[in-house]
Each structure stands twice: as C-alpha cells, then as structure tokens.
Amino acid sequence: MLYIVTGANRGLGLEFTRQLLARGHRVFATARNLEQAEELRTLASSAPDALQLFTLDIADPTSIAAFAKTCADHTIDVLINNAGILERGGTLGALDYEAIERGFQVNTMGTLRLTEALLPALRRSQGAKIVNLSSKMGSIAENTSGGSYAYRASKAALNMVTRSLALDLAAEGIIAFVVHPGWVLTDMGGPNALIDAQTSISNLLHVIDRAGPETSGTFQEWQGNTIAW
C-alpha cells in the first residue's frame, strides 16, 4: 500500500512514517524544507526502496500542483494530512487577524487543496482513505475554555471540510474522516502533554486500519472513540 504523509519532518508525521515503514508499507513523505529534516532523511537512507521524500508547502498552490504532478501516475491508498500549524491568534481585544488567516490558509485551505489535487491518484485505489489530523480544540461541543481563536476555528473548518468530502466521495467508495491524536509530547504539543508520539500513532494506525464506510465523515480520537462535532 502507498501512504502519503504530509508534515513528516518531525513529531507525528515523522512517527507515522517510521511506523508505516515498520509495517512494510511504501510512503511518500513530505516536508517544507527537506534540508532541515535530518531525521527524515536518515530514515529514507535506511529504506530507499520504501520511502521517498518530497518538498511540499501546503500553503503554496504551486508547490501542491508540483507534488500532485509527481503523484499523477501512482495509486494512493491512504492520504494522511498531518501538516498543520498552531496559530493561537492572540486574545480577545488584541486578536492577530494575520495569524488567524495563516491558520485557515494552512490547516483548512491547504489540506483541502492538496486533497482535491490528489483525487485522481486516490480514485485508482479500492477504498482509498483520507485521514485529516484535527484536534479536540476544533470541536464546538468540547470548547469549554474559549480562546485560541485561530487554531480552534481553522480546525473546526477542517472538520466541516472533511464531512463534505465524505459525503461527496461516498459513492466512489473513498472514506474521509478526521482524527484527534491526543495531547502529544511533540514540539507542538509541548512538555506537559499526556502521551508520547509512539503511543498516539500506534493507536491511530489501528483506527485507520479499521475505518470503513461507517467511519467516513466522523471525528475519531486516538483511542477509537467518536468525538462530538
């Protein structure tokens, strides 16, 4: 099987790549700057037949188009849209609207643009899966503390985008859903997080493995439970 993993230079994306290779899958892993992705390049040198690296900035339509062209003759079985940014957007009364816009540009629009560009390669697979990394912070029902306007709004929008993708692609047998990886010990999650990347990704891969038509259009957490929108 061929998996696409975006934002694979560190954290969850790097761990997705490690575990998928250990399972014997082929992986196309992307990063904005491969020169700075030392761990990813080391991984690629140890698995040259299974792992290919590509430069991709999901905020840049030209970069997305170039990557999609590279994938044009391949069959993508699973697209893991992991790339994203944590923009909090300031506090009420001093909101940073440029940060809010950046959050939407990457977390929502970039993910949707890439997914649309890769649809021809996804359609070649039997039962392709689109897995979008979201967060409980994008759940309206789970928002009990306010704040984090940029991140919450961009992830809530991603959730809605994914729901629409699931409905629009259902007749073609393509599954699309969002996952919450948990509060993970990564550069983004910070030192106070509750679980390590290995545990999160191991569990998420089981969620992805089990995902069927009934999973499409839902919001799943790393332990396999459904989260309220």
C-alpha atoms as a PDB file:
ATOM      1  CA  MET A   1       0.000   0.000   0.000  1.00  0.00           C
ATOM      2  CA  LEU A   2       1.099   3.566  -0.679  1.00  0.00           C
ATOM      3  CA  TYR A   3       0.642   6.150   2.050  1.00  0.00           C
ATOM      4  CA  ILE A   4       1.142   9.897   1.731  1.00  0.00           C
ATOM      5  CA  VAL A   5       2.241  11.602   4.962  1.00  0.00           C
ATOM      6  CA  THR A   6       2.495  15.388   4.978  1.00  0.00           C
ATOM      7  CA  GLY A   7       4.493  17.331   7.538  1.00  0.00           C
ATOM      8  CA  ALA A   8       6.742  14.313   8.058  1.00  0.00           C
ATOM      9  CA  ASN A   9       9.882  16.142   9.137  1.00  0.00           C
ATOM     10  CA  ARG A  10       9.149  15.880  12.860  1.00  0.00           C
ATOM     11  CA  GLY A  11       6.618  14.935  15.523  1.00  0.00           C
ATOM     12  CA  LEU A  12       3.554  12.975  14.498  1.00  0.00           C
ATOM     13  CA  GLY A  13       4.369  12.973  10.789  1.00  0.00           C
ATOM     14  CA  LEU A  14       7.814  11.519  11.399  1.00  0.00           C
ATOM     15  CA  GLU A  15       6.358   8.868  13.710  1.00  0.00           C
ATOM     16  CA  PHE A  16       3.650   7.982  11.179  1.00  0.00           C
ATOM     17  CA  THR A  17       6.421   7.444   8.636  1.00  0.00           C
ATOM     18  CA  ARG A  18       8.511   5.294  10.990  1.00  0.00           C
ATOM     19  CA  GLN A  19       5.638   3.016  11.937  1.00  0.00           C
ATOM     20  CA  LEU A  20       4.309   2.665   8.391  1.00  0.00           C
ATOM     21  CA  LEU A  21       7.749   1.611   7.172  1.00  0.00           C
ATOM     22  CA  ALA A  22       7.994  -0.897  10.029  1.00  0.00           C
ATOM     23  CA  ARG A  23       4.708  -2.369   8.792  1.00  0.00           C
ATOM     24  CA  GLY A  24       6.172  -2.822   5.316  1.00  0.00           C
ATOM     25  CA  HIS A  25       4.272  -0.064   3.509  1.00  0.00           C
ATOM     26  CA  ARG A  26       5.514   2.375   0.879  1.00  0.00           C
ATOM     27  CA  VAL A  27       5.482   6.000   1.978  1.00  0.00           C
ATOM     28  CA  PHE A  28       5.715   9.321   0.183  1.00  0.00           C
ATOM     29  CA  ALA A  29       6.707  11.703   2.983  1.00  0.00           C
ATOM     30  CA  THR A  30       6.669  15.470   2.575  1.00  0.00           C
ATOM     31  CA  ALA A  31       8.210  18.440   4.335  1.00  0.00           C
ATOM     32  CA  ARG A  32       8.537  22.130   3.595  1.00  0.00           C
ATOM     33  CA  ASN A  33      12.315  22.030   3.965  1.00  0.00           C
ATOM     34  CA  LEU A  34      13.983  18.663   3.464  1.00  0.00           C
ATOM     35  CA  GLU A  35      17.428  20.091   4.207  1.00  0.00           C
ATOM     36  CA  GLN A  36      16.321  20.661   7.792  1.00  0.00           C
ATOM     37  CA  ALA A  37      14.576  17.278   8.052  1.00  0.00           C
ATOM     38  CA  GLU A  38      17.630  15.360   9.232  1.00  0.00           C
ATOM     39  CA  GLU A  39      15.796  12.514  10.978  1.00  0.00           C
ATOM     40  CA  LEU A  40      13.530  12.007   7.984  1.00  0.00           C
ATOM     41  CA  ARG A  41      16.485  11.917   5.587  1.00  0.00           C
ATOM     42  CA  THR A  42      18.245   9.386   7.814  1.00  0.00           C
ATOM     43  CA  LEU A  43      15.111   7.256   7.761  1.00  0.00           C
ATOM     44  CA  ALA A  44      14.987   7.470   3.971  1.00  0.00           C
ATOM     45  CA  SER A  45      18.598   6.364   3.636  1.00  0.00           C
ATOM     46  CA  SER A  46      17.784   3.225   5.635  1.00  0.00           C
ATOM     47  CA  ALA A  47      14.726   2.387   3.497  1.00  0.00           C
ATOM     48  CA  PRO A  48      15.439   3.731  -0.008  1.00  0.00           C
ATOM     49  CA  ASP A  49      13.016   1.377  -1.745  1.00  0.00           C
ATOM     50  CA  ALA A  50      10.082   2.103   0.555  1.00  0.00           C
ATOM     51  CA  LEU A  51      10.394   5.787   1.432  1.00  0.00           C
ATOM     52  CA  GLN A  52      10.517   8.708  -0.966  1.00  0.00           C
ATOM     53  CA  LEU A  53      10.845  12.300   0.181  1.00  0.00           C
ATOM     54  CA  PHE A  54       9.251  15.338  -1.432  1.00  0.00           C
ATOM     55  CA  THR A  55       9.301  19.053  -0.775  1.00  0.00           C
ATOM     56  CA  LEU A  56       5.769  20.326  -0.177  1.00  0.00           C
ATOM     57  CA  ASP A  57       4.383  23.536   1.291  1.00  0.00           C
ATOM     58  CA  ILE A  58       0.626  23.096   1.618  1.00  0.00           C
ATOM     59  CA  ALA A  59       0.185  26.860   1.911  1.00  0.00           C
ATOM     60  CA  ASP A  60       1.592  27.250  -1.620  1.00  0.00           C
ATOM     61  CA  PRO A  61      -0.705  26.261  -4.526  1.00  0.00           C
ATOM     62  CA  THR A  62       2.285  25.960  -6.883  1.00  0.00           C
ATOM     63  CA  SER A  63       4.004  23.530  -4.521  1.00  0.00           C
ATOM     64  CA  ILE A  64       0.817  21.473  -4.253  1.00  0.00           C
ATOM     65  CA  ALA A  65       0.430  21.339  -8.033  1.00  0.00           C
ATOM     66  CA  ALA A  66       4.027  20.166  -8.453  1.00  0.00           C
ATOM     67  CA  PHE A  67       3.595  17.399  -5.885  1.00  0.00           C
ATOM     68  CA  ALA A  68       0.297  16.284  -7.425  1.00  0.00           C
ATOM     69  CA  LYS A  69       2.020  16.045 -10.803  1.00  0.00           C
ATOM     70  CA  THR A  70       4.663  13.799  -9.238  1.00  0.00           C
ATOM     71  CA  CYS A  71       1.909  11.538  -7.888  1.00  0.00           C
ATOM     72  CA  ALA A  72      -0.093  11.511 -11.118  1.00  0.00           C
ATOM     73  CA  ASP A  73       0.935   8.012 -12.209  1.00  0.00           C
ATOM     74  CA  HIS A  74       0.674   6.434  -8.759  1.00  0.00           C
ATOM     75  CA  THR A  75      -2.168   4.856  -6.796  1.00  0.00           C
ATOM     76  CA  ILE A  76      -2.590   6.420  -3.365  1.00  0.00           C
ATOM     77  CA  ASP A  77      -4.243   4.149  -0.818  1.00  0.00           C
ATOM     78  CA  VAL A  78      -4.149   6.404   2.236  1.00  0.00           C
ATOM     79  CA  LEU A  79      -3.612  10.165   2.407  1.00  0.00           C
ATOM     80  CA  ILE A  80      -2.639  11.335   5.888  1.00  0.00           C
ATOM     81  CA  ASN A  81      -2.983  15.117   6.004  1.00  0.00           C
ATOM     82  CA  ASN A  82      -0.800  15.740   9.029  1.00  0.00           C
ATOM     83  CA  ALA A  83       0.818  19.074   8.121  1.00  0.00           C
ATOM     84  CA  GLY A  84      -0.529  21.987  10.114  1.00  0.00           C
ATOM     85  CA  ILE A  85       0.395  24.963  12.257  1.00  0.00           C
ATOM     86  CA  LEU A  86      -0.538  26.071  15.758  1.00  0.00           C
ATOM     87  CA  GLU A  87      -1.602  29.710  15.487  1.00  0.00           C
ATOM     88  CA  ARG A  88      -3.491  30.869  18.566  1.00  0.00           C
ATOM     89  CA  GLY A  89      -4.387  34.263  17.097  1.00  0.00           C
ATOM     90  CA  GLY A  90      -3.941  36.417  20.188  1.00  0.00           C
ATOM     91  CA  THR A  91      -6.516  37.176  22.859  1.00  0.00           C
ATOM     92  CA  LEU A  92      -9.887  38.881  22.632  1.00  0.00           C
ATOM     93  CA  GLY A  93      -9.316  42.617  22.394  1.00  0.00           C
ATOM     94  CA  ALA A  94      -5.934  42.090  20.771  1.00  0.00           C
ATOM     95  CA  LEU A  95      -6.607  39.462  18.132  1.00  0.00           C
ATOM     96  CA  ASP A  96      -3.994  38.832  15.445  1.00  0.00           C
ATOM     97  CA  TYR A  97      -6.011  38.535  12.259  1.00  0.00           C
ATOM     98  CA  GLU A  98      -2.956  37.741  10.155  1.00  0.00           C
ATOM     99  CA  ALA A  99      -2.321  34.730  12.394  1.00  0.00           C
ATOM    100  CA  ILE A 100      -5.959  33.689  12.078  1.00  0.00           C
ATOM    101  CA  GLU A 101      -5.676  33.928   8.302  1.00  0.00           C
ATOM    102  CA  ARG A 102      -2.468  31.848   8.318  1.00  0.00           C
ATOM    103  CA  GLY A 103      -4.235  29.187  10.352  1.00  0.00           C
ATOM    104  CA  PHE A 104      -7.009  28.889   7.791  1.00  0.00           C
ATOM    105  CA  GLN A 105      -4.569  29.014   4.878  1.00  0.00           C
ATOM    106  CA  VAL A 106      -2.594  26.018   6.140  1.00  0.00           C
ATOM    107  CA  ASN A 107      -4.905  23.936   8.321  1.00  0.00           C
ATOM    108  CA  THR A 108      -8.040  24.263   6.221  1.00  0.00           C
ATOM    109  CA  MET A 109      -7.425  25.543   2.704  1.00  0.00           C
ATOM    110  CA  GLY A 110      -4.058  23.847   2.242  1.00  0.00           C
ATOM    111  CA  THR A 111      -5.398  20.480   3.330  1.00  0.00           C
ATOM    112  CA  LEU A 112      -8.433  20.772   1.069  1.00  0.00           C
ATOM    113  CA  ARG A 113      -6.394  21.983  -1.910  1.00  0.00           C
ATOM    114  CA  LEU A 114      -3.946  19.091  -1.584  1.00  0.00           C
ATOM    115  CA  THR A 115      -6.718  16.527  -1.182  1.00  0.00           C
ATOM    116  CA  GLU A 116      -8.503  17.778  -4.277  1.00  0.00           C
ATOM    117  CA  ALA A 117      -5.262  17.744  -6.278  1.00  0.00           C
ATOM    118  CA  LEU A 118      -4.589  14.118  -5.299  1.00  0.00           C
ATOM    119  CA  LEU A 119      -8.087  12.798  -6.009  1.00  0.00           C
ATOM    120  CA  PRO A 120      -7.136  11.215  -9.375  1.00  0.00           C
ATOM    121  CA  ALA A 121      -4.476   9.081  -7.651  1.00  0.00           C
ATOM    122  CA  LEU A 122      -6.807   8.268  -4.743  1.00  0.00           C
ATOM    123  CA  ARG A 123      -9.546   7.166  -7.134  1.00  0.00           C
ATOM    124  CA  ARG A 124      -7.270   4.438  -8.520  1.00  0.00           C
ATOM    125  CA  SER A 125      -7.278   2.668  -5.161  1.00  0.00           C
ATOM    126  CA  GLN A 126     -10.002   0.318  -3.999  1.00  0.00           C
ATOM    127  CA  GLY A 127     -11.381   2.008  -0.893  1.00  0.00           C
ATOM    128  CA  ALA A 128      -8.911   4.871  -0.505  1.00  0.00           C
ATOM    129  CA  LYS A 129      -8.844   6.714   2.809  1.00  0.00           C
ATOM    130  CA  ILE A 130      -8.359  10.411   3.524  1.00  0.00           C
ATOM    131  CA  VAL A 131      -7.304  10.991   7.124  1.00  0.00           C
ATOM    132  CA  ASN A 132      -7.192  14.597   8.304  1.00  0.00           C
ATOM    133  CA  LEU A 133      -5.386  15.401  11.545  1.00  0.00           C
ATOM    134  CA  SER A 134      -7.620  17.671  13.581  1.00  0.00           C
ATOM    135  CA  SER A 135      -7.897  18.350  17.307  1.00  0.00           C
ATOM    136  CA  LYS A 136     -10.449  18.364  20.094  1.00  0.00           C
ATOM    137  CA  MET A 137      -9.822  22.109  20.053  1.00  0.00           C
ATOM    138  CA  GLY A 138     -11.757  22.108  16.782  1.00  0.00           C
ATOM    139  CA  SER A 139     -14.806  20.559  18.436  1.00  0.00           C
ATOM    140  CA  ILE A 140     -17.566  23.073  19.161  1.00  0.00           C
ATOM    141  CA  ALA A 141     -19.069  20.767  21.775  1.00  0.00           C
ATOM    142  CA  GLU A 142     -15.726  20.355  23.565  1.00  0.00           C
ATOM    143  CA  ASN A 143     -14.916  24.085  23.729  1.00  0.00           C
ATOM    144  CA  THR A 144     -15.286  24.907  27.414  1.00  0.00           C
ATOM    145  CA  SER A 145     -12.401  27.367  27.807  1.00  0.00           C
ATOM    146  CA  GLY A 146     -12.592  29.782  24.856  1.00  0.00           C
ATOM    147  CA  GLY A 147      -9.560  31.492  23.345  1.00  0.00           C
ATOM    148  CA  SER A 148      -7.197  30.065  20.697  1.00  0.00           C
ATOM    149  CA  TYR A 149      -9.369  31.618  18.000  1.00  0.00           C
ATOM    150  CA  ALA A 150      -7.086  30.861  15.059  1.00  0.00           C
ATOM    151  CA  TYR A 151      -6.402  27.230  15.888  1.00  0.00           C
ATOM    152  CA  ARG A 152      -9.923  26.346  17.024  1.00  0.00           C
ATOM    153  CA  ALA A 153     -11.595  27.975  14.022  1.00  0.00           C
ATOM    154  CA  SER A 154      -9.220  26.514  11.425  1.00  0.00           C
ATOM    155  CA  LYS A 155      -9.629  23.003  12.818  1.00  0.00           C
ATOM    156  CA  ALA A 156     -13.417  23.361  13.115  1.00  0.00           C
ATOM    157  CA  ALA A 157     -13.440  24.414   9.463  1.00  0.00           C
ATOM    158  CA  LEU A 158     -11.273  21.406   8.590  1.00  0.00           C
ATOM    159  CA  ASN A 159     -13.819  19.180  10.311  1.00  0.00           C
ATOM    160  CA  MET A 160     -16.607  20.595   8.147  1.00  0.00           C
ATOM    161  CA  VAL A 161     -14.491  20.268   5.004  1.00  0.00           C
ATOM    162  CA  THR A 162     -13.877  16.617   5.842  1.00  0.00           C
ATOM    163  CA  ARG A 163     -17.557  15.950   6.439  1.00  0.00           C
ATOM    164  CA  SER A 164     -18.337  17.371   2.986  1.00  0.00           C
ATOM    165  CA  LEU A 165     -15.566  15.311   1.397  1.00  0.00           C
ATOM    166  CA  ALA A 166     -17.014  12.176   2.990  1.00  0.00           C
ATOM    167  CA  LEU A 167     -20.458  12.877   1.578  1.00  0.00           C
ATOM    168  CA  ASP A 168     -19.222  13.892  -1.868  1.00  0.00           C
ATOM    169  CA  LEU A 169     -16.922  10.875  -2.239  1.00  0.00           C
ATOM    170  CA  ALA A 170     -19.130   8.196  -0.657  1.00  0.00           C
ATOM    171  CA  ALA A 171     -20.470   6.935  -3.983  1.00  0.00           C
ATOM    172  CA  GLU A 172     -16.890   6.340  -5.135  1.00  0.00           C
ATOM    173  CA  GLY A 173     -16.017   4.284  -2.062  1.00  0.00           C
ATOM    174  CA  ILE A 174     -13.499   6.808  -0.737  1.00  0.00           C
ATOM    175  CA  ILE A 175     -13.521   7.251   3.037  1.00  0.00           C
ATOM    176  CA  ALA A 176     -12.718  10.622   4.641  1.00  0.00           C
ATOM    177  CA  PHE A 177     -12.608  11.319   8.360  1.00  0.00           C
ATOM    178  CA  VAL A 178     -10.807  13.408  10.967  1.00  0.00           C
ATOM    179  CA  VAL A 179      -8.765  12.203  13.911  1.00  0.00           C
ATOM    180  CA  HIS A 180      -7.643  13.749  17.184  1.00  0.00           C
ATOM    181  CA  PRO A 181      -4.183  12.391  18.069  1.00  0.00           C
ATOM    182  CA  GLY A 182      -4.434  13.276  21.748  1.00  0.00           C
ATOM    183  CA  TRP A 183      -2.275  15.758  23.619  1.00  0.00           C
ATOM    184  CA  VAL A 184       1.097  14.512  22.431  1.00  0.00           C
ATOM    185  CA  LEU A 185       4.671  15.191  23.554  1.00  0.00           C
ATOM    186  CA  THR A 186       5.903  16.947  20.408  1.00  0.00           C
ATOM    187  CA  ASP A 187       7.229  20.414  19.601  1.00  0.00           C
ATOM    188  CA  MET A 188       3.626  21.487  19.005  1.00  0.00           C
ATOM    189  CA  GLY A 189       2.138  19.652  21.984  1.00  0.00           C
ATOM    190  CA  GLY A 190       4.747  20.898  24.443  1.00  0.00           C
ATOM    191  CA  PRO A 191       6.389  19.311  27.507  1.00  0.00           C
ATOM    192  CA  ASN A 192       3.208  18.965  29.572  1.00  0.00           C
ATOM    193  CA  ALA A 193       1.421  16.700  27.098  1.00  0.00           C
ATOM    194  CA  LEU A 194      -0.015  13.399  28.273  1.00  0.00           C
ATOM    195  CA  ILE A 195       1.114  10.768  25.739  1.00  0.00           C
ATOM    196  CA  ASP A 196       4.127  10.133  23.540  1.00  0.00           C
ATOM    197  CA  ALA A 197       4.086  10.125  19.753  1.00  0.00           C
ATOM    198  CA  GLN A 198       4.687   6.379  19.517  1.00  0.00           C
ATOM    199  CA  THR A 199       1.555   5.581  21.535  1.00  0.00           C
ATOM    200  CA  SER A 200      -0.591   8.101  19.680  1.00  0.00           C
ATOM    201  CA  ILE A 201       0.426   6.937  16.216  1.00  0.00           C
ATOM    202  CA  SER A 202       0.264   3.227  17.028  1.00  0.00           C
ATOM    203  CA  ASN A 203      -3.333   3.705  18.147  1.00  0.00           C
ATOM    204  CA  LEU A 204      -4.217   5.983  15.237  1.00  0.00           C
ATOM    205  CA  LEU A 205      -2.964   3.429  12.734  1.00  0.00           C
ATOM    206  CA  HIS A 206      -5.336   0.880  14.246  1.00  0.00           C
ATOM    207  CA  VAL A 207      -8.165   3.421  13.891  1.00  0.00           C
ATOM    208  CA  ILE A 208      -7.198   3.942  10.245  1.00  0.00           C
ATOM    209  CA  ASP A 209      -6.927   0.200   9.610  1.00  0.00           C
ATOM    210  CA  ARG A 210     -10.417  -0.436  10.974  1.00  0.00           C
ATOM    211  CA  ALA A 211     -12.055   2.524   9.254  1.00  0.00           C
ATOM    212  CA  GLY A 212     -14.886   1.538   6.921  1.00  0.00           C
ATOM    213  CA  PRO A 213     -17.800   3.345   5.290  1.00  0.00           C
ATOM    214  CA  GLU A 214     -19.405   3.853   8.699  1.00  0.00           C
ATOM    215  CA  THR A 215     -16.319   5.819   9.800  1.00  0.00           C
ATOM    216  CA  SER A 216     -16.458   8.232   6.886  1.00  0.00           C
ATOM    217  CA  GLY A 217     -17.498  11.724   7.898  1.00  0.00           C
ATOM    218  CA  THR A 218     -16.843  11.155  11.605  1.00  0.00           C
ATOM    219  CA  PHE A 219     -14.452  12.620  14.178  1.00  0.00           C
ATOM    220  CA  GLN A 220     -12.330   9.912  15.820  1.00  0.00           C
ATOM    221  CA  GLU A 221      -9.903  10.191  18.706  1.00  0.00           C
ATOM    222  CA  TRP A 222      -6.666   8.218  19.050  1.00  0.00           C
ATOM    223  CA  GLN A 223      -8.309   5.605  21.295  1.00  0.00           C
ATOM    224  CA  GLY A 224     -11.039   4.903  18.748  1.00  0.00           C
ATOM    225  CA  ASN A 225     -13.880   6.829  20.348  1.00  0.00           C
ATOM    226  CA  THR A 226     -16.094   9.221  18.393  1.00  0.00           C
ATOM    227  CA  ILE A 227     -15.858  12.907  19.320  1.00  0.00           C
ATOM    228  CA  ALA A 228     -18.834  15.267  19.132  1.00  0.00           C
ATOM    229  CA  TRP A 229     -18.533  17.964  16.495  1.00  0.00           C
END
